[in-house]
PDB file of N, CA and C in Angstrom:
ATOM      1  N   MET A   1      -1.354  -3.934  17.645  1.00  0.00           N
ATOM      2  CA  MET A   1      -0.458  -3.352  16.878  1.00  0.00           C
ATOM      3  C   MET A   1      -0.808  -2.076  16.235  1.00  0.00           C
ATOM      4  N   LYS A   2      -0.301  -1.012  16.812  1.00  0.00           N
ATOM      5  CA  LYS A   2      -0.801   0.098  16.285  1.00  0.00           C
ATOM      6  C   LYS A   2      -0.134   0.052  14.394  1.00  0.00           C
ATOM      7  N   ILE A   3      -0.757   0.689  13.226  1.00  0.00           N
ATOM      8  CA  ILE A   3      -0.237   0.516  12.037  1.00  0.00           C
ATOM      9  C   ILE A   3      -0.500   1.858  11.488  1.00  0.00           C
ATOM     10  N   SER A   4       0.422   2.351  10.651  1.00  0.00           N
ATOM     11  CA  SER A   4       0.178   3.489   9.595  1.00  0.00           C
ATOM     12  C   SER A   4      -0.452   3.196   8.571  1.00  0.00           C
ATOM     13  N   VAL A   5      -1.301   4.154   8.031  1.00  0.00           N
ATOM     14  CA  VAL A   5      -2.108   3.909   6.694  1.00  0.00           C
ATOM     15  C   VAL A   5      -1.757   4.785   6.093  1.00  0.00           C
ATOM     16  N   TRP A   6      -1.177   4.172   4.610  1.00  0.00           N
ATOM     17  CA  TRP A   6      -0.466   5.262   3.525  1.00  0.00           C
ATOM     18  C   TRP A   6      -1.547   5.093   1.901  1.00  0.00           C
ATOM     19  N   ASP A   7      -2.050   6.042   2.120  1.00  0.00           N
ATOM     20  CA  ASP A   7      -3.326   6.333   1.270  1.00  0.00           C
ATOM     21  C   ASP A   7      -2.407   6.335  -0.194  1.00  0.00           C
ATOM     22  N   THR A   8      -2.988   5.441  -1.024  1.00  0.00           N
ATOM     23  CA  THR A   8      -2.155   5.409  -2.485  1.00  0.00           C
ATOM     24  C   THR A   8      -3.145   5.250  -3.407  1.00  0.00           C
ATOM     25  N   TYR A   9      -2.885   6.172  -4.631  1.00  0.00           N
ATOM     26  CA  TYR A   9      -3.520   6.355  -5.720  1.00  0.00           C
ATOM     27  C   TYR A   9      -2.140   6.041  -6.895  1.00  0.00           C
ATOM     28  N   VAL A  10      -2.654   5.245  -7.910  1.00  0.00           N
ATOM     29  CA  VAL A  10      -1.915   4.520  -8.935  1.00  0.00           C
ATOM     30  C   VAL A  10      -2.741   4.735 -10.387  1.00  0.00           C
ATOM     31  N   GLU A  11      -2.502   5.275 -11.500  1.00  0.00           N
ATOM     32  CA  GLU A  11      -2.911   5.369 -12.543  1.00  0.00           C
ATOM     33  C   GLU A  11      -2.410   4.102 -13.165  1.00  0.00           C
ATOM     34  N   ARG A  12      -3.581   3.668 -13.794  1.00  0.00           N
ATOM     35  CA  ARG A  12      -3.539   2.288 -14.272  1.00  0.00           C
ATOM     36  C   ARG A  12      -2.901   2.512 -16.043  1.00  0.00           C
ATOM     37  N   LYS A  13      -2.672   2.175 -16.838  1.00  0.00           N
ATOM     38  CA  LYS A  13      -2.151   2.416 -18.322  1.00  0.00           C
ATOM     39  C   LYS A  13      -3.666   2.620 -19.022  1.00  0.00           C
ATOM     40  N   ASP A  14      -4.846   2.008 -18.519  1.00  0.00           N
ATOM     41  CA  ASP A  14      -5.909   2.004 -19.048  1.00  0.00           C
ATOM     42  C   ASP A  14      -6.935   3.146 -18.733  1.00  0.00           C
ATOM     43  N   GLY A  15      -6.117   3.776 -17.939  1.00  0.00           N
ATOM     44  CA  GLY A  15      -6.609   5.189 -17.378  1.00  0.00           C
ATOM     45  C   GLY A  15      -7.268   5.490 -16.301  1.00  0.00           C
ATOM     46  N   LYS A  16      -7.894   3.933 -15.596  1.00  0.00           N
ATOM     47  CA  LYS A  16      -8.729   4.073 -14.411  1.00  0.00           C
ATOM     48  C   LYS A  16      -7.152   4.306 -13.441  1.00  0.00           C
ATOM     49  N   ILE A  17      -8.087   4.881 -11.909  1.00  0.00           N
ATOM     50  CA  ILE A  17      -7.143   4.940 -11.051  1.00  0.00           C
ATOM     51  C   ILE A  17      -7.524   3.999 -10.108  1.00  0.00           C
ATOM     52  N   MET A  18      -6.042   3.401  -9.715  1.00  0.00           N
ATOM     53  CA  MET A  18      -6.155   2.639  -8.713  1.00  0.00           C
ATOM     54  C   MET A  18      -6.320   3.300  -7.121  1.00  0.00           C
ATOM     55  N   HIS A  19      -7.220   2.729  -6.478  1.00  0.00           N
ATOM     56  CA  HIS A  19      -6.890   3.078  -4.675  1.00  0.00           C
ATOM     57  C   HIS A  19      -6.784   2.307  -3.693  1.00  0.00           C
ATOM     58  N   PHE A  20      -5.521   2.033  -3.020  1.00  0.00           N
ATOM     59  CA  PHE A  20      -5.540   1.063  -2.402  1.00  0.00           C
ATOM     60  C   PHE A  20      -4.585   1.806  -1.181  1.00  0.00           C
ATOM     61  N   ASP A  21      -4.519   0.640   0.063  1.00  0.00           N
ATOM     62  CA  ASP A  21      -3.649   1.824   1.585  1.00  0.00           C
ATOM     63  C   ASP A  21      -2.464   0.948   1.435  1.00  0.00           C
ATOM     64  N   ILE A  22      -1.634   0.748   1.795  1.00  0.00           N
ATOM     65  CA  ILE A  22      -0.389   0.394   2.089  1.00  0.00           C
ATOM     66  C   ILE A  22      -0.249   0.197   3.858  1.00  0.00           C
ATOM     67  N   LEU A  23      -0.278  -0.776   4.543  1.00  0.00           N
ATOM     68  CA  LEU A  23      -0.210  -0.521   6.053  1.00  0.00           C
ATOM     69  C   LEU A  23       0.566  -1.426   6.396  1.00  0.00           C
ATOM     70  N   VAL A  24       1.535  -0.442   7.047  1.00  0.00           N
ATOM     71  CA  VAL A  24       2.849  -0.947   7.802  1.00  0.00           C
ATOM     72  C   VAL A  24       2.425  -0.904   9.385  1.00  0.00           C
ATOM     73  N   PRO A  25       3.775  -1.354   9.914  1.00  0.00           N
ATOM     74  CA  PRO A  25       3.761  -1.072  11.408  1.00  0.00           C
ATOM     75  C   PRO A  25       3.962   0.205  11.761  1.00  0.00           C
ATOM     76  N   SER A  26       3.657   0.820  12.705  1.00  0.00           N
ATOM     77  CA  SER A  26       3.669   2.401  12.954  1.00  0.00           C
ATOM     78  C   SER A  26       4.889   3.027  13.197  1.00  0.00           C
ATOM     79  N   SER A  27       6.071   1.811  13.653  1.00  0.00           N
ATOM     80  CA  SER A  27       7.646   1.903  13.978  1.00  0.00           C
ATOM     81  C   SER A  27       8.198   2.124  12.388  1.00  0.00           C
ATOM     82  N   LEU A  28       7.635   1.848  11.497  1.00  0.00           N
ATOM     83  CA  LEU A  28       8.303   1.932  10.101  1.00  0.00           C
ATOM     84  C   LEU A  28       8.038   3.439   9.313  1.00  0.00           C
ATOM     85  N   LYS A  29       9.362   3.631   9.195  1.00  0.00           N
ATOM     86  CA  LYS A  29       9.285   5.313   8.928  1.00  0.00           C
ATOM     87  C   LYS A  29      10.227   5.555   7.766  1.00  0.00           C
ATOM     88  N   ASP A  30      10.516   4.615   6.911  1.00  0.00           N
ATOM     89  CA  ASP A  30      11.267   4.927   5.981  1.00  0.00           C
ATOM     90  C   ASP A  30      10.357   4.695   4.370  1.00  0.00           C
ATOM     91  N   GLU A  31      10.520   6.244   4.367  1.00  0.00           N
ATOM     92  CA  GLU A  31       9.411   5.954   2.767  1.00  0.00           C
ATOM     93  C   GLU A  31       9.613   5.176   1.427  1.00  0.00           C
ATOM     94  N   HIS A  32      10.867   5.029   1.435  1.00  0.00           N
ATOM     95  CA  HIS A  32      11.570   4.249   0.520  1.00  0.00           C
ATOM     96  C   HIS A  32      11.027   2.755   0.593  1.00  0.00           C
ATOM     97  N   GLN A  33      11.373   2.203   1.674  1.00  0.00           N
ATOM     98  CA  GLN A  33      10.523   1.021   1.807  1.00  0.00           C
ATOM     99  C   GLN A  33       9.219   0.429   1.946  1.00  0.00           C
ATOM    100  N   ILE A  34       8.519   1.955   2.450  1.00  0.00           N
ATOM    101  CA  ILE A  34       6.921   1.698   2.090  1.00  0.00           C
ATOM    102  C   ILE A  34       6.610   1.567   0.828  1.00  0.00           C
ATOM    103  N   PHE A  35       7.226   2.701  -0.411  1.00  0.00           N
ATOM    104  CA  PHE A  35       6.923   2.439  -1.440  1.00  0.00           C
ATOM    105  C   PHE A  35       7.361   1.291  -2.047  1.00  0.00           C
ATOM    106  N   ASN A  36       8.313   0.615  -1.782  1.00  0.00           N
ATOM    107  CA  ASN A  36       8.400  -0.871  -2.384  1.00  0.00           C
ATOM    108  C   ASN A  36       7.635  -1.485  -2.262  1.00  0.00           C
ATOM    109  N   PHE A  37       7.102  -1.688  -0.932  1.00  0.00           N
ATOM    110  CA  PHE A  37       6.101  -2.324  -0.544  1.00  0.00           C
ATOM    111  C   PHE A  37       4.801  -2.272  -1.566  1.00  0.00           C
ATOM    112  N   GLY A  38       4.784  -1.072  -1.907  1.00  0.00           N
ATOM    113  CA  GLY A  38       3.555  -0.980  -3.213  1.00  0.00           C
ATOM    114  C   GLY A  38       3.972  -1.230  -4.538  1.00  0.00           C
ATOM    115  N   LYS A  39       5.297  -1.074  -4.927  1.00  0.00           N
ATOM    116  CA  LYS A  39       5.719  -1.560  -5.888  1.00  0.00           C
ATOM    117  C   LYS A  39       5.963  -2.769  -6.161  1.00  0.00           C
ATOM    118  N   ARG A  40       6.119  -3.761  -5.128  1.00  0.00           N
ATOM    119  CA  ARG A  40       5.836  -5.096  -5.308  1.00  0.00           C
ATOM    120  C   ARG A  40       4.698  -5.574  -5.309  1.00  0.00           C
ATOM    121  N   TYR A  41       3.445  -4.849  -4.702  1.00  0.00           N
ATOM    122  CA  TYR A  41       2.189  -5.239  -4.869  1.00  0.00           C
ATOM    123  C   TYR A  41       1.795  -5.073  -6.334  1.00  0.00           C
ATOM    124  N   LEU A  42       2.046  -3.862  -7.107  1.00  0.00           N
ATOM    125  CA  LEU A  42       1.843  -3.339  -8.536  1.00  0.00           C
ATOM    126  C   LEU A  42       2.822  -4.784  -9.304  1.00  0.00           C
ATOM    127  N   ASP A  43       3.410  -5.046  -8.883  1.00  0.00           N
ATOM    128  CA  ASP A  43       4.561  -5.642 -10.382  1.00  0.00           C
ATOM    129  C   ASP A  43       3.330  -7.251 -10.016  1.00  0.00           C
ATOM    130  N   LYS A  44       3.107  -7.716  -9.116  1.00  0.00           N
ATOM    131  CA  LYS A  44       2.232  -8.816  -9.273  1.00  0.00           C
ATOM    132  C   LYS A  44       0.765  -8.527 -10.210  1.00  0.00           C
ATOM    133  N   LYS A  45       0.621  -7.446 -10.288  1.00  0.00           N
ATOM    134  CA  LYS A  45      -1.031  -6.976 -11.200  1.00  0.00           C
ATOM    135  C   LYS A  45      -0.656  -7.483 -12.508  1.00  0.00           C
ATOM    136  N   SER A  46      -1.872  -8.032 -12.973  1.00  0.00           N
ATOM    137  CA  SER A  46      -1.943  -8.447 -14.639  1.00  0.00           C
ATOM    138  C   SER A  46      -1.981  -7.108 -15.796  1.00  0.00           C
ATOM    139  N   PHE A  47      -1.842  -6.008 -15.193  1.00  0.00           N
ATOM    140  CA  PHE A  47      -2.225  -5.144 -15.956  1.00  0.00           C
ATOM    141  C   PHE A  47      -0.913  -4.155 -15.757  1.00  0.00           C
ATOM    142  N   LYS A  48      -0.497  -2.682 -16.307  1.00  0.00           N
ATOM    143  CA  LYS A  48       0.432  -1.914 -16.054  1.00  0.00           C
ATOM    144  C   LYS A  48       0.012  -1.034 -15.492  1.00  0.00           C
ATOM    145  N   THR A  49       0.783  -0.382 -14.745  1.00  0.00           N
ATOM    146  CA  THR A  49       0.492   1.144 -13.899  1.00  0.00           C
ATOM    147  C   THR A  49       1.734   1.933 -14.385  1.00  0.00           C
ATOM    148  N   ALA A  50       1.495   3.310 -13.727  1.00  0.00           N
ATOM    149  CA  ALA A  50       2.124   4.409 -13.679  1.00  0.00           C
ATOM    150  C   ALA A  50       3.140   4.095 -12.640  1.00  0.00           C
ATOM    151  N   GLN A  51       4.022   4.892 -12.396  1.00  0.00           N
ATOM    152  CA  GLN A  51       5.110   4.443 -11.371  1.00  0.00           C
ATOM    153  C   GLN A  51       4.540   4.912 -10.166  1.00  0.00           C
ATOM    154  N   LEU A  52       5.081   4.238  -9.024  1.00  0.00           N
ATOM    155  CA  LEU A  52       4.297   4.732  -7.733  1.00  0.00           C
ATOM    156  C   LEU A  52       5.653   5.929  -6.736  1.00  0.00           C
ATOM    157  N   THR A  53       5.431   7.183  -6.734  1.00  0.00           N
ATOM    158  CA  THR A  53       6.351   7.670  -5.835  1.00  0.00           C
ATOM    159  C   THR A  53       5.682   8.526  -4.663  1.00  0.00           C
ATOM    160  N   ALA A  54       5.992   9.540  -4.129  1.00  0.00           N
ATOM    161  CA  ALA A  54       5.785  10.037  -3.029  1.00  0.00           C
ATOM    162  C   ALA A  54       4.505  10.862  -3.270  1.00  0.00           C
ATOM    163  N   LYS A  55       4.401  11.343  -4.683  1.00  0.00           N
ATOM    164  CA  LYS A  55       3.666  11.763  -5.145  1.00  0.00           C
ATOM    165  C   LYS A  55       2.190  11.315  -5.019  1.00  0.00           C
ATOM    166  N   GLU A  56       1.735   9.949  -5.154  1.00  0.00           N
ATOM    167  CA  GLU A  56       0.651   8.585  -5.238  1.00  0.00           C
ATOM    168  C   GLU A  56       0.813   8.147  -3.964  1.00  0.00           C
ATOM    169  N   CYS A  57       1.757   8.193  -2.908  1.00  0.00           N
ATOM    170  CA  CYS A  57       1.388   7.632  -1.691  1.00  0.00           C
ATOM    171  C   CYS A  57       1.927   8.296  -0.434  1.00  0.00           C
ATOM    172  N   ARG A  58       0.957   8.611  -0.017  1.00  0.00           N
ATOM    173  CA  ARG A  58       1.222   9.573   1.415  1.00  0.00           C
ATOM    174  C   ARG A  58       0.318   8.792   2.908  1.00  0.00           C
ATOM    175  N   PHE A  59       1.542   9.116   3.784  1.00  0.00           N
ATOM    176  CA  PHE A  59       1.000   8.762   5.045  1.00  0.00           C
ATOM    177  C   PHE A  59      -0.544   9.234   5.521  1.00  0.00           C
ATOM    178  N   CYS A  60      -1.444   8.139   6.068  1.00  0.00           N
ATOM    179  CA  CYS A  60      -2.761   9.011   6.538  1.00  0.00           C
ATOM    180  C   CYS A  60      -2.903   9.348   7.759  1.00  0.00           C
ATOM    181  N   HIS A  61      -3.317   8.330   8.518  1.00  0.00           N
ATOM    182  CA  HIS A  61      -3.059   8.010   9.898  1.00  0.00           C
ATOM    183  C   HIS A  61      -2.661   6.552  10.217  1.00  0.00           C
ATOM    184  N   ILE A  62      -2.861   6.702  11.807  1.00  0.00           N
ATOM    185  CA  ILE A  62      -2.526   5.654  12.241  1.00  0.00           C
ATOM    186  C   ILE A  62      -3.739   4.792  13.155  1.00  0.00           C
ATOM    187  N   GLU A  63      -3.650   3.483  12.760  1.00  0.00           N
ATOM    188  CA  GLU A  63      -5.231   2.696  13.645  1.00  0.00           C
ATOM    189  C   GLU A  63      -4.765   1.627  14.389  1.00  0.00           C
ATOM    190  N   GLN A  64      -5.400   1.013  15.010  1.00  0.00           N
ATOM    191  CA  GLN A  64      -5.231  -0.535  15.512  1.00  0.00           C
ATOM    192  C   GLN A  64      -5.390  -1.444  14.647  1.00  0.00           C
ATOM    193  N   ALA A  65      -4.632  -2.345  14.279  1.00  0.00           N
ATOM    194  CA  ALA A  65      -4.339  -3.534  13.255  1.00  0.00           C
ATOM    195  C   ALA A  65      -5.458  -4.754  13.307  1.00  0.00           C
ATOM    196  N   THR A  66      -6.100  -5.102  12.691  1.00  0.00           N
ATOM    197  CA  THR A  66      -7.133  -6.303  12.735  1.00  0.00           C
ATOM    198  C   THR A  66      -6.222  -7.523  12.916  1.00  0.00           C
ATOM    199  N   ASP A  67      -6.889  -8.500  13.072  1.00  0.00           N
ATOM    200  CA  ASP A  67      -6.051  -9.795  13.711  1.00  0.00           C
ATOM    201  C   ASP A  67      -5.467 -10.378  12.074  1.00  0.00           C
ATOM    202  N   GLU A  68      -6.528 -10.070  10.943  1.00  0.00           N
ATOM    203  CA  GLU A  68      -5.688 -10.397   9.364  1.00  0.00           C
ATOM    204  C   GLU A  68      -4.679  -9.452   9.053  1.00  0.00           C
ATOM    205  N   VAL A  69      -4.719  -8.322   9.017  1.00  0.00           N
ATOM    206  CA  VAL A  69      -3.470  -7.077   8.994  1.00  0.00           C
ATOM    207  C   VAL A  69      -2.205  -7.691   9.638  1.00  0.00           C
ATOM    208  N   LEU A  70      -2.545  -7.744  10.891  1.00  0.00           N
ATOM    209  CA  LEU A  70      -1.114  -8.048  11.831  1.00  0.00           C
ATOM    210  C   LEU A  70      -0.759  -9.382  11.455  1.00  0.00           C
ATOM    211  N   TYR A  71      -1.276 -10.574  11.115  1.00  0.00           N
ATOM    212  CA  TYR A  71      -1.216 -11.921  10.230  1.00  0.00           C
ATOM    213  C   TYR A  71      -0.128 -11.516   9.272  1.00  0.00           C
ATOM    214  N   ALA A  72      -0.525 -10.621   8.404  1.00  0.00           N
ATOM    215  CA  ALA A  72       0.062 -10.201   7.152  1.00  0.00           C
ATOM    216  C   ALA A  72       1.380  -9.483   7.349  1.00  0.00           C
ATOM    217  N   ILE A  73       1.147  -8.729   8.057  1.00  0.00           N
ATOM    218  CA  ILE A  73       2.439  -8.207   8.611  1.00  0.00           C
ATOM    219  C   ILE A  73       3.367  -8.974   9.115  1.00  0.00           C
ATOM    220  N   GLU A  74       2.849  -9.911  10.011  1.00  0.00           N
ATOM    221  CA  GLU A  74       4.129 -10.679  10.330  1.00  0.00           C
ATOM    222  C   GLU A  74       4.911 -11.328   9.382  1.00  0.00           C
ATOM    223  N   ARG A  75       3.971 -11.946   8.353  1.00  0.00           N
ATOM    224  CA  ARG A  75       4.531 -12.441   7.417  1.00  0.00           C
ATOM    225  C   ARG A  75       5.453 -11.951   6.068  1.00  0.00           C
ATOM    226  N   GLU A  76       4.818 -10.752   5.931  1.00  0.00           N
ATOM    227  CA  GLU A  76       5.853  -9.858   4.489  1.00  0.00           C
ATOM    228  C   GLU A  76       5.993  -8.583   5.127  1.00  0.00           C
ATOM    229  N   GLY A  77       5.661  -7.958   5.927  1.00  0.00           N
ATOM    230  CA  GLY A  77       5.785  -6.784   6.553  1.00  0.00           C
ATOM    231  C   GLY A  77       5.152  -5.743   6.141  1.00  0.00           C
ATOM    232  N   TYR A  78       4.190  -5.995   5.455  1.00  0.00           N
ATOM    233  CA  TYR A  78       2.941  -5.181   5.278  1.00  0.00           C
ATOM    234  C   TYR A  78       1.821  -5.787   4.675  1.00  0.00           C
ATOM    235  N   TYR A  79       0.483  -4.933   4.402  1.00  0.00           N
ATOM    236  CA  TYR A  79      -0.240  -5.358   4.299  1.00  0.00           C
ATOM    237  C   TYR A  79      -1.264  -4.536   2.994  1.00  0.00           C
ATOM    238  N   ILE A  80      -1.720  -4.891   2.032  1.00  0.00           N
ATOM    239  CA  ILE A  80      -2.516  -3.988   0.996  1.00  0.00           C
ATOM    240  C   ILE A  80      -3.779  -4.442   1.336  1.00  0.00           C
ATOM    241  N   LEU A  81      -4.750  -2.935   1.153  1.00  0.00           N
ATOM    242  CA  LEU A  81      -6.386  -3.044   1.614  1.00  0.00           C
ATOM    243  C   LEU A  81      -6.631  -2.658  -0.046  1.00  0.00           C
ATOM    244  N   GLU A  82      -7.273  -3.178  -0.617  1.00  0.00           N
ATOM    245  CA  GLU A  82      -7.705  -2.837  -1.991  1.00  0.00           C
ATOM    246  C   GLU A  82      -8.681  -2.225  -2.090  1.00  0.00           C
ATOM    247  N   MET A  83      -9.251  -1.131  -2.268  1.00  0.00           N
ATOM    248  CA  MET A  83     -10.207  -0.180  -2.478  1.00  0.00           C
ATOM    249  C   MET A  83     -11.280  -0.115  -3.873  1.00  0.00           C
ATOM    250  N   GLU A  84     -10.160   0.383  -4.545  1.00  0.00           N
ATOM    251  CA  GLU A  84     -10.548   1.200  -6.058  1.00  0.00           C
ATOM    252  C   GLU A  84     -10.019   0.347  -7.411  1.00  0.00           C
ATOM    253  N   ASN A  85     -10.557  -0.079  -8.460  1.00  0.00           N
ATOM    254  CA  ASN A  85      -9.755  -0.456  -9.630  1.00  0.00           C
ATOM    255  C   ASN A  85      -8.731  -1.149  -9.197  1.00  0.00           C
ATOM    256  N   CYS A  86      -8.490  -2.271  -8.188  1.00  0.00           N
ATOM    257  CA  CYS A  86      -7.270  -3.062  -8.093  1.00  0.00           C
ATOM    258  C   CYS A  86      -7.351  -4.450  -8.738  1.00  0.00           C
ATOM    259  N   THR A  87      -8.561  -4.715  -9.435  1.00  0.00           N
ATOM    260  CA  THR A  87      -8.548  -6.203  -9.984  1.00  0.00           C
ATOM    261  C   THR A  87      -8.891  -5.796 -11.379  1.00  0.00           C
TER     262      THR A  87
END
């Protein structure tokens, strides 16, 4: 499966910048739905963050999904790849 990678940077209330990717099927083009996946992820965090909008989350590229990503997308519709300051 081909997936779209949405590069996302969100400021935490402690001033750190979170960096994570939202991975979705490449056929999904609805930005509102993609942003909602990111918001759902942020709502699960134990710390507060700034708002997620088009300014913080942008389409980056398309790549081939790994088995782990494919499994998550089949279950949840998306996958979050945490990179910086996500914990």
